[in-house]
Amino acid sequence: MTAAAQTGAAGFLARFEGLKDHLPGARRPWLNAMRAEAAVHFAARGFPTRRVEQWKYTDLAPVAQASFAEPLTMVQGALALPPANAPHRAVFVDGRFRADLSTMDGLAYRAGGLAQDLGAAEPFLGALAKPESEPLAALNTMLFEDGLFIDLPEGVDGGLLELVSVAVDPGRPFAFHPRHLVRLGAGARLTLIETAAGRGQCLHNPVFEIAVAEGAAFTHGRMLQEEATIFHLSTIYATIAAGGTYDNFTVAAGPRLTRNEIHAALTGPGAACHMNGAQMAADGQHVDTTTSLDHAAPGCASRQTYKTVLAGRSRGVFQGKIHVHRVAQKTDGYQMNQALLLSEEAEIDSKPQLEIYADDVKCSHGATVGALDADSLFYLRSRGIPEAQAKAMLVEAFLHEAVETVTDDTLRTALTRALDAWWVRQGRAA
């Protein structure tokens, strides 16, 4: 462990020692043991450095060197929230559930703040996350205070729900670590639209544990739109049983450093997982999508398509691994990463991986990197379209192509709006 990683880890470990008797669930022995074990793992590993293969292209030194502190009091009163994308929304401010800002009435299933429902969450909390091997999951387990808990019974159609996470600038560096649990019973259905917004010098370190039972379908749209002073490091763990589907689409556009890490396991025959997204970065920003997809049962299908647009002196990363177990015959896996560089100073690192132990599979991966097509640009200019507008049209077409894979109309509209908002900001900054 480097000196910076040790220093950063020591600060958070000291915070844990000071807060552990006051964190939610402090009177529950099982949760205290889980937090203590996570602290041991975090103390042993600290923040990952670029010597760790999974973090080779993303430097967390700025996070490790900062002096982040957890908010000690809950922000009260009305706040300016992002426009609503769904009739029901769960609002979290600095990682804490705000019932007064949420609209949860009328739901036919359990959904709300995790801290208020730890007893019901006990069988699921910690079942999928791996703090022993993932330091950010360990940090989250140590210090989480709240999160969204969804428990959808068998056969229930949960409709559309929005998760809103807002960071409020207290005038000093701060960190919060929400823990979100989503459980879908057999045959259940749900679409979750997640919006992350806010400002300040902040570390937002959420962890999701998602369990999709047999024949269930979970659509998860994510819009990471915090300001460029924020570090957003999210880790998602998902398990999909026989005939189930997990459909994830992420728009990462805003934070100073974004890490969108997804670990998905197809554990039953006929399960499917779609992980798609668009990631954008402007001058001085870094965006990283890292996925790990485990085909552990026969007849499963997976699709991954990520598009990256980089402007100015920015950097993008895509790392995608597909692991096909010997038992996973008839696997159908596809992975593609496409990057568009708008500046000679922009840089993309792409590392697709296939690890296949079955012999009857159909798997492929690919990656493309390039600038705006000169012929297309010339065509638009020759028809009287100004250069700036022509470039905007080509970039928007490149990004919107990714969103076409989203079948839910409300979610697709929200994602498209997030893509357009990023490009508008670039035009204002130019």
Protein backbone atom coordinates (compact mmCIF):
# COMPACT_ATOMS: atom_id res chain seq x y z
CA MET A 1 0.00 0.00 0.00
CA THR A 2 1.38 3.44 -0.94
CA ALA A 3 1.76 6.24 1.58
CA ALA A 4 -1.17 8.14 0.02
CA ALA A 5 -3.38 5.07 0.17
CA GLN A 6 -2.39 4.50 3.80
CA THR A 7 -3.12 8.11 4.71
CA GLY A 8 -6.50 8.07 2.98
CA ALA A 9 -7.46 4.77 4.54
CA ALA A 10 -6.36 5.91 8.00
CA GLY A 11 -8.67 8.93 7.83
CA PHE A 12 -11.72 6.84 7.02
CA LEU A 13 -10.80 4.18 9.57
CA ALA A 14 -10.54 6.88 12.24
CA ARG A 15 -13.97 8.16 11.18
CA PHE A 16 -15.34 4.64 11.54
CA GLU A 17 -13.91 4.25 15.05
CA GLY A 18 -15.50 7.53 16.06
CA LEU A 19 -18.88 6.84 14.46
CA LYS A 20 -19.40 3.08 14.78
CA ASP A 21 -21.47 3.33 17.97
CA HIS A 22 -23.74 5.90 16.36
CA LEU A 23 -24.24 4.43 12.89
CA PRO A 24 -27.65 2.92 12.03
CA GLY A 25 -27.94 -0.60 13.36
CA ALA A 26 -25.31 -0.08 16.07
CA ARG A 27 -27.41 -2.26 18.42
CA ARG A 28 -27.60 -5.12 15.94
CA PRO A 29 -24.71 -7.57 16.53
CA TRP A 30 -24.85 -8.99 12.98
CA LEU A 31 -24.43 -5.54 11.44
CA ASN A 32 -21.69 -4.54 13.87
CA ALA A 33 -19.78 -7.70 12.93
CA MET A 34 -20.23 -6.98 9.23
CA ARG A 35 -18.91 -3.44 9.61
CA ALA A 36 -15.97 -4.54 11.75
CA GLU A 37 -14.96 -7.22 9.25
CA ALA A 38 -15.16 -4.67 6.41
CA ALA A 39 -12.91 -2.32 8.41
CA VAL A 40 -10.32 -5.09 8.71
CA HIS A 41 -10.36 -5.61 4.94
CA PHE A 42 -10.14 -1.88 4.24
CA ALA A 43 -7.27 -1.47 6.69
CA ALA A 44 -5.40 -4.28 4.93
CA ARG A 45 -5.92 -2.97 1.40
CA GLY A 46 -6.56 0.76 1.62
CA PHE A 47 -7.53 2.57 -1.54
CA PRO A 48 -6.64 0.63 -4.70
CA THR A 49 -3.64 1.98 -6.60
CA ARG A 50 -2.71 1.70 -10.27
CA ARG A 51 -0.60 -1.33 -9.40
CA VAL A 52 -3.88 -3.23 -9.05
CA GLU A 53 -4.83 -4.50 -12.52
CA GLN A 54 -8.48 -3.44 -12.25
CA TRP A 55 -7.35 0.09 -11.41
CA LYS A 56 -4.43 0.34 -13.84
CA TYR A 57 -6.01 3.20 -15.80
CA THR A 58 -7.76 5.06 -12.97
CA ASP A 59 -5.82 6.91 -10.29
CA LEU A 60 -7.57 7.31 -6.93
CA ALA A 61 -4.72 9.32 -5.41
CA PRO A 62 -6.83 12.54 -5.39
CA VAL A 63 -9.48 10.69 -3.37
CA ALA A 64 -6.98 9.09 -1.01
CA GLN A 65 -5.22 12.40 -0.41
CA ALA A 66 -8.36 14.42 0.31
CA SER A 67 -9.66 14.88 3.83
CA PHE A 68 -13.28 13.82 3.42
CA ALA A 69 -15.58 13.77 6.43
CA GLU A 70 -19.07 12.30 6.68
CA PRO A 71 -21.92 14.83 7.18
CA LEU A 72 -22.79 14.81 10.88
CA THR A 73 -26.28 16.28 10.63
CA MET A 74 -29.09 15.79 8.14
CA VAL A 75 -29.80 18.66 5.77
CA GLN A 76 -33.26 20.04 6.56
CA GLY A 77 -35.77 22.09 4.61
CA ALA A 78 -36.74 22.34 0.97
CA LEU A 79 -34.17 21.75 -1.76
CA ALA A 80 -34.02 22.28 -5.50
CA LEU A 81 -34.40 18.79 -6.93
CA PRO A 82 -33.98 17.53 -10.50
CA PRO A 83 -37.21 17.39 -12.53
CA ALA A 84 -39.29 14.33 -11.74
CA ASN A 85 -39.11 11.38 -14.14
CA ALA A 86 -41.67 9.17 -12.37
CA PRO A 87 -44.78 9.57 -10.19
CA HIS A 88 -43.01 7.87 -7.29
CA ARG A 89 -39.56 8.96 -6.15
CA ALA A 90 -37.28 8.23 -3.21
CA VAL A 91 -35.05 11.20 -2.41
CA PHE A 92 -31.74 10.91 -0.58
CA VAL A 93 -29.77 13.98 0.53
CA ASP A 94 -26.12 13.34 1.34
CA GLY A 95 -26.95 9.64 1.45
CA ARG A 96 -29.87 9.93 3.89
CA PHE A 97 -33.51 9.26 3.09
CA ARG A 98 -35.76 12.33 3.12
CA ALA A 99 -39.34 11.15 3.49
CA ASP A 100 -40.64 14.73 3.29
CA LEU A 101 -39.14 15.17 -0.20
CA SER A 102 -40.14 11.70 -1.41
CA THR A 103 -43.42 10.57 -2.97
CA MET A 104 -43.88 6.95 -1.97
CA ASP A 105 -47.62 6.76 -1.20
CA GLY A 106 -49.61 4.14 -3.05
CA LEU A 107 -46.78 1.68 -3.72
CA ALA A 108 -47.88 -1.95 -3.60
CA TYR A 109 -44.53 -3.16 -2.28
CA ARG A 110 -41.89 -2.39 0.33
CA ALA A 111 -39.71 0.56 -0.69
CA GLY A 112 -38.05 3.24 1.38
CA GLY A 113 -35.06 4.06 3.55
CA LEU A 114 -32.82 1.14 4.49
CA ALA A 115 -31.97 2.60 7.92
CA GLN A 116 -35.65 2.43 8.92
CA ASP A 117 -36.03 -1.18 7.77
CA LEU A 118 -32.84 -2.98 8.75
CA GLY A 119 -34.71 -5.90 10.30
CA ALA A 120 -36.41 -6.78 7.01
CA ALA A 121 -33.19 -6.15 5.07
CA GLU A 122 -31.03 -8.44 7.21
CA PRO A 123 -31.31 -11.54 4.94
CA PHE A 124 -30.15 -9.51 1.90
CA LEU A 125 -27.70 -6.96 3.23
CA GLY A 126 -24.16 -8.10 2.48
CA ALA A 127 -25.25 -11.19 0.52
CA LEU A 128 -23.68 -10.05 -2.76
CA ALA A 129 -21.09 -7.36 -2.02
CA LYS A 130 -17.47 -8.44 -1.68
CA PRO A 131 -15.66 -6.18 0.80
CA GLU A 132 -12.89 -8.77 1.11
CA SER A 133 -11.77 -8.08 -2.47
CA GLU A 134 -13.26 -4.66 -3.29
CA PRO A 135 -11.93 -1.85 -1.07
CA LEU A 136 -14.67 0.60 -2.05
CA ALA A 137 -17.31 -1.96 -1.06
CA ALA A 138 -15.48 -2.36 2.24
CA LEU A 139 -15.47 1.41 2.77
CA ASN A 140 -19.18 1.52 2.02
CA THR A 141 -19.95 -1.35 4.41
CA MET A 142 -18.03 0.39 7.18
CA LEU A 143 -19.76 3.75 6.91
CA PHE A 144 -23.11 3.49 5.12
CA GLU A 145 -25.94 5.22 6.94
CA ASP A 146 -28.88 4.70 4.62
CA GLY A 147 -29.97 3.71 1.15
CA LEU A 148 -32.95 2.54 -0.85
CA PHE A 149 -34.46 -0.81 0.11
CA ILE A 150 -36.85 -2.36 -2.42
CA ASP A 151 -38.47 -5.72 -1.75
CA LEU A 152 -40.81 -6.68 -4.59
CA PRO A 153 -42.96 -9.76 -3.91
CA GLU A 154 -43.45 -12.58 -6.36
CA GLY A 155 -45.43 -11.65 -9.46
CA VAL A 156 -45.83 -7.95 -8.63
CA ASP A 157 -45.40 -5.29 -11.32
CA GLY A 158 -43.72 -2.43 -9.49
CA GLY A 159 -44.05 0.00 -12.38
CA LEU A 160 -41.73 2.99 -12.39
CA LEU A 161 -39.77 4.34 -9.41
CA GLU A 162 -37.16 7.07 -9.27
CA LEU A 163 -34.13 7.18 -6.97
CA VAL A 164 -32.79 10.72 -6.54
CA SER A 165 -29.47 11.31 -4.77
CA VAL A 166 -28.47 14.91 -4.09
CA ALA A 167 -25.22 16.19 -2.62
CA VAL A 168 -25.49 19.50 -0.76
CA ASP A 169 -22.28 21.51 -0.44
CA PRO A 170 -21.50 22.17 3.27
CA GLY A 171 -18.43 24.26 2.41
CA ARG A 172 -15.91 21.52 3.22
CA PRO A 173 -14.96 18.13 1.71
CA PHE A 174 -17.51 15.47 2.63
CA ALA A 175 -18.32 11.86 1.79
CA PHE A 176 -21.36 9.61 1.87
CA HIS A 177 -21.73 5.91 1.14
CA PRO A 178 -25.34 4.86 0.43
CA ARG A 179 -26.16 1.16 0.41
CA HIS A 180 -29.02 0.27 -1.95
CA LEU A 181 -30.75 -3.12 -1.87
CA VAL A 182 -33.11 -4.28 -4.62
CA ARG A 183 -34.83 -7.66 -4.47
CA LEU A 184 -37.32 -8.87 -7.09
CA GLY A 185 -39.34 -12.00 -6.38
CA ALA A 186 -40.12 -14.57 -9.04
CA GLY A 187 -41.91 -13.04 -12.02
CA ALA A 188 -41.80 -9.51 -10.61
CA ARG A 189 -41.07 -6.44 -12.75
CA LEU A 190 -39.64 -3.00 -11.95
CA THR A 191 -38.06 -0.01 -13.69
CA LEU A 192 -35.80 2.17 -11.54
CA ILE A 193 -34.59 5.56 -12.80
CA GLU A 194 -31.60 6.76 -10.78
CA THR A 195 -30.46 10.38 -10.84
CA ALA A 196 -27.34 11.62 -9.05
CA ALA A 197 -26.94 15.39 -8.77
CA GLY A 198 -25.34 17.95 -6.51
CA ARG A 199 -22.28 20.03 -5.89
CA GLY A 200 -19.34 20.51 -3.56
CA GLN A 201 -16.06 18.71 -3.00
CA CYS A 202 -17.58 15.33 -2.37
CA LEU A 203 -17.03 11.57 -2.52
CA HIS A 204 -20.20 9.68 -3.45
CA ASN A 205 -19.51 5.97 -2.93
CA PRO A 206 -22.74 3.98 -3.45
CA VAL A 207 -23.03 0.19 -3.49
CA PHE A 208 -25.98 -1.68 -5.00
CA GLU A 209 -26.93 -5.28 -4.20
CA ILE A 210 -29.50 -6.47 -6.72
CA ALA A 211 -31.16 -9.91 -6.71
CA VAL A 212 -33.42 -10.81 -9.66
CA ALA A 213 -35.34 -14.04 -9.07
CA GLU A 214 -36.62 -16.53 -11.65
CA GLY A 215 -38.53 -14.91 -14.49
CA ALA A 216 -38.25 -11.43 -12.99
CA ALA A 217 -37.22 -8.34 -14.98
CA PHE A 218 -35.39 -5.32 -13.57
CA THR A 219 -34.64 -2.28 -15.72
CA HIS A 220 -32.10 0.08 -14.14
CA GLY A 221 -31.45 3.46 -15.75
CA ARG A 222 -28.71 5.62 -14.24
CA MET A 223 -27.89 9.28 -14.83
CA LEU A 224 -24.72 10.43 -13.07
CA GLN A 225 -24.87 14.20 -13.46
CA GLU A 226 -23.09 15.65 -10.45
CA GLU A 227 -20.87 18.69 -10.85
CA ALA A 228 -17.21 18.50 -11.82
CA THR A 229 -15.96 18.77 -8.23
CA ILE A 230 -17.43 15.41 -7.22
CA PHE A 231 -15.90 11.93 -7.19
CA HIS A 232 -18.53 9.32 -8.02
CA LEU A 233 -17.36 5.75 -7.39
CA SER A 234 -20.23 3.29 -7.68
CA THR A 235 -20.19 -0.50 -7.42
CA ILE A 236 -23.10 -2.68 -8.49
CA TYR A 237 -23.49 -6.37 -7.66
CA ALA A 238 -26.31 -8.17 -9.47
CA THR A 239 -27.36 -11.79 -9.60
CA ILE A 240 -29.92 -13.00 -12.15
CA ALA A 241 -31.72 -16.33 -11.72
CA ALA A 242 -33.20 -18.60 -14.40
CA GLY A 243 -35.23 -16.71 -16.99
CA GLY A 244 -34.62 -13.39 -15.26
CA THR A 245 -33.37 -10.18 -16.87
CA TYR A 246 -31.24 -7.32 -15.60
CA ASP A 247 -31.14 -4.36 -18.01
CA ASN A 248 -28.73 -1.55 -17.04
CA PHE A 249 -28.14 1.69 -18.94
CA THR A 250 -25.82 4.34 -17.47
CA VAL A 251 -25.20 7.90 -18.58
CA ALA A 252 -22.02 9.17 -16.87
CA ALA A 253 -21.64 12.89 -17.55
CA GLY A 254 -20.43 15.41 -15.02
CA PRO A 255 -18.28 14.32 -12.07
CA ARG A 256 -14.55 15.03 -11.91
CA LEU A 257 -13.91 11.30 -11.66
CA THR A 258 -16.51 8.63 -12.37
CA ARG A 259 -16.10 4.90 -11.82
CA ASN A 260 -19.07 2.81 -12.90
CA GLU A 261 -18.24 -0.73 -11.81
CA ILE A 262 -20.71 -3.58 -12.39
CA HIS A 263 -20.41 -7.22 -11.31
CA ALA A 264 -23.22 -9.37 -12.72
CA ALA A 265 -23.74 -13.13 -12.44
CA LEU A 266 -26.12 -15.17 -14.59
CA THR A 267 -26.84 -18.05 -12.24
CA GLY A 268 -29.78 -19.87 -13.84
CA PRO A 269 -30.56 -21.20 -17.33
CA GLY A 270 -31.99 -18.65 -19.73
CA ALA A 271 -30.99 -15.61 -17.69
CA ALA A 272 -30.09 -12.40 -19.53
CA CYS A 273 -28.09 -9.29 -18.73
CA HIS A 274 -27.80 -6.10 -20.78
CA MET A 275 -25.24 -3.51 -19.67
CA ASN A 276 -25.14 -0.49 -21.94
CA GLY A 277 -24.30 3.16 -21.57
CA ALA A 278 -22.78 6.42 -22.67
CA GLN A 279 -19.93 8.09 -20.84
CA MET A 280 -18.71 11.61 -21.54
CA ALA A 281 -15.88 13.69 -20.16
CA ALA A 282 -14.71 17.26 -20.68
CA ASP A 283 -11.39 18.92 -19.94
CA GLY A 284 -9.83 17.61 -16.72
CA GLN A 285 -12.39 14.84 -16.20
CA HIS A 286 -11.93 11.07 -16.01
CA VAL A 287 -14.65 8.48 -16.65
CA ASP A 288 -14.27 4.72 -16.17
CA THR A 289 -16.69 1.89 -16.87
CA THR A 290 -15.53 -1.50 -15.61
CA THR A 291 -17.75 -4.56 -15.96
CA SER A 292 -17.44 -8.20 -14.96
CA LEU A 293 -20.03 -10.61 -16.32
CA ASP A 294 -20.17 -14.17 -15.04
CA HIS A 295 -21.95 -16.73 -17.23
CA ALA A 296 -22.47 -19.51 -14.69
CA ALA A 297 -25.42 -21.34 -16.27
CA PRO A 298 -26.31 -22.67 -19.73
CA GLY A 299 -28.37 -20.86 -22.35
CA CYS A 300 -27.77 -17.34 -21.03
CA ALA A 301 -27.36 -14.17 -23.10
CA SER A 302 -25.53 -10.91 -22.44
CA ARG A 303 -25.12 -7.68 -24.38
CA GLN A 304 -22.77 -4.79 -23.62
CA THR A 305 -22.49 -1.64 -25.72
CA TYR A 306 -20.77 1.46 -24.33
CA LYS A 307 -20.11 4.70 -26.17
CA THR A 308 -17.54 7.25 -24.95
CA VAL A 309 -17.15 10.90 -26.00
CA LEU A 310 -14.08 12.76 -24.76
CA ALA A 311 -13.38 16.48 -25.11
CA GLY A 312 -10.37 18.58 -24.12
CA ARG A 313 -7.72 16.96 -21.91
CA SER A 314 -9.90 14.14 -20.62
CA ARG A 315 -9.54 10.42 -20.22
CA GLY A 316 -11.91 7.52 -20.64
CA VAL A 317 -11.63 3.87 -19.63
CA PHE A 318 -13.58 0.79 -20.58
CA GLN A 319 -12.73 -2.59 -19.07
CA GLY A 320 -15.14 -5.42 -19.75
CA LYS A 321 -14.69 -9.05 -18.79
CA ILE A 322 -16.94 -11.96 -19.80
CA HIS A 323 -16.26 -15.19 -17.90
CA VAL A 324 -17.96 -18.28 -19.31
CA HIS A 325 -17.90 -21.29 -16.97
CA ARG A 326 -17.58 -24.83 -18.29
CA VAL A 327 -21.22 -25.55 -17.45
CA ALA A 328 -22.42 -22.49 -19.39
CA GLN A 329 -22.96 -24.14 -22.78
CA LYS A 330 -25.03 -22.24 -25.40
CA THR A 331 -23.80 -18.92 -24.03
CA ASP A 332 -24.45 -15.90 -26.26
CA GLY A 333 -22.26 -12.97 -25.26
CA TYR A 334 -21.54 -9.71 -27.07
CA GLN A 335 -19.45 -6.71 -26.03
CA MET A 336 -18.62 -3.48 -27.88
CA ASN A 337 -16.95 -0.23 -26.85
CA GLN A 338 -16.86 2.74 -29.22
CA ALA A 339 -15.02 5.99 -28.46
CA LEU A 340 -15.20 9.39 -30.13
CA LEU A 341 -12.28 11.74 -29.42
CA LEU A 342 -13.04 15.44 -29.94
CA SER A 343 -9.53 16.58 -29.01
CA GLU A 344 -5.98 15.48 -29.74
CA GLU A 345 -5.37 15.61 -25.98
CA ALA A 346 -8.17 13.18 -25.13
CA GLU A 347 -7.25 9.58 -24.34
CA ILE A 348 -9.17 6.30 -24.12
CA ASP A 349 -8.02 2.97 -22.68
CA SER A 350 -10.08 -0.04 -23.75
CA LYS A 351 -9.52 -3.55 -22.41
CA PRO A 352 -12.13 -6.13 -23.46
CA GLN A 353 -11.62 -9.64 -22.07
CA LEU A 354 -13.11 -13.05 -22.80
CA GLU A 355 -12.42 -16.02 -20.53
CA ILE A 356 -14.21 -19.06 -21.95
CA TYR A 357 -14.21 -22.60 -20.58
CA ALA A 358 -17.28 -23.94 -22.44
CA ASP A 359 -17.00 -25.22 -26.00
CA ASP A 360 -20.47 -24.47 -27.41
CA VAL A 361 -20.70 -20.69 -27.18
CA LYS A 362 -21.13 -17.59 -29.32
CA CYS A 363 -19.04 -14.77 -27.87
CA SER A 364 -17.53 -11.68 -29.46
CA HIS A 365 -16.06 -8.35 -28.46
CA GLY A 366 -14.76 -5.28 -30.22
CA ALA A 367 -13.56 -1.72 -29.75
CA THR A 368 -13.30 1.31 -32.03
CA VAL A 369 -11.64 4.68 -31.46
CA GLY A 370 -11.78 7.65 -33.81
CA ALA A 371 -12.47 11.32 -34.42
CA LEU A 372 -15.51 12.85 -36.09
CA ASP A 373 -15.92 11.50 -39.62
CA ALA A 374 -14.49 14.07 -42.01
CA ASP A 375 -16.76 13.06 -44.90
CA SER A 376 -19.91 13.37 -42.77
CA LEU A 377 -18.75 16.74 -41.48
CA PHE A 378 -18.03 17.94 -45.02
CA TYR A 379 -21.45 16.74 -46.19
CA LEU A 380 -23.22 18.77 -43.51
CA ARG A 381 -21.05 21.84 -44.08
CA SER A 382 -21.69 21.69 -47.84
CA ARG A 383 -25.38 22.11 -47.11
CA GLY A 384 -24.89 25.34 -45.27
CA ILE A 385 -24.77 23.99 -41.71
CA PRO A 386 -22.24 25.88 -39.53
CA GLU A 387 -19.27 23.82 -38.32
CA ALA A 388 -20.20 23.94 -34.63
CA GLN A 389 -23.76 22.82 -35.36
CA ALA A 390 -22.54 20.09 -37.74
CA LYS A 391 -20.21 18.69 -35.06
CA ALA A 392 -23.03 18.80 -32.53
CA MET A 393 -25.31 16.84 -34.85
CA LEU A 394 -22.71 14.12 -35.38
CA VAL A 395 -21.91 13.80 -31.66
CA GLU A 396 -25.58 13.66 -30.72
CA ALA A 397 -26.25 11.01 -33.36
CA PHE A 398 -23.34 8.93 -32.03
CA LEU A 399 -24.66 9.11 -28.46
CA HIS A 400 -28.35 8.73 -29.23
CA GLU A 401 -27.65 5.51 -31.09
CA ALA A 402 -26.82 3.92 -27.74
CA VAL A 403 -30.11 5.00 -26.16
CA GLU A 404 -32.12 3.34 -28.91
CA THR A 405 -31.58 0.02 -27.11
CA VAL A 406 -33.77 1.24 -24.20
CA THR A 407 -37.35 0.00 -24.62
CA ASP A 408 -39.07 1.92 -21.78
CA ASP A 409 -40.28 5.23 -23.24
CA THR A 410 -40.03 7.23 -20.00
CA LEU A 411 -36.55 5.99 -19.26
CA ARG A 412 -35.37 6.56 -22.84
CA THR A 413 -36.65 10.17 -22.72
CA ALA A 414 -34.86 10.83 -19.42
CA LEU A 415 -31.59 9.36 -20.70
CA THR A 416 -31.79 11.33 -23.94
CA ARG A 417 -32.37 14.52 -21.97
CA ALA A 418 -29.26 13.79 -19.89
CA LEU A 419 -27.15 13.28 -23.02
CA ASP A 420 -28.40 16.50 -24.57
CA ALA A 421 -27.76 18.46 -21.36
CA TRP A 422 -24.11 17.43 -21.38
CA TRP A 423 -23.59 18.59 -24.95
CA VAL A 424 -25.30 21.92 -24.20
CA ARG A 425 -22.87 22.44 -21.31
CA GLN A 426 -19.94 21.79 -23.62
CA GLY A 427 -21.23 24.42 -26.04
CA ARG A 428 -21.46 26.97 -23.26
CA ALA A 429 -17.92 26.15 -22.09
CA ALA A 430 -16.45 26.40 -25.59
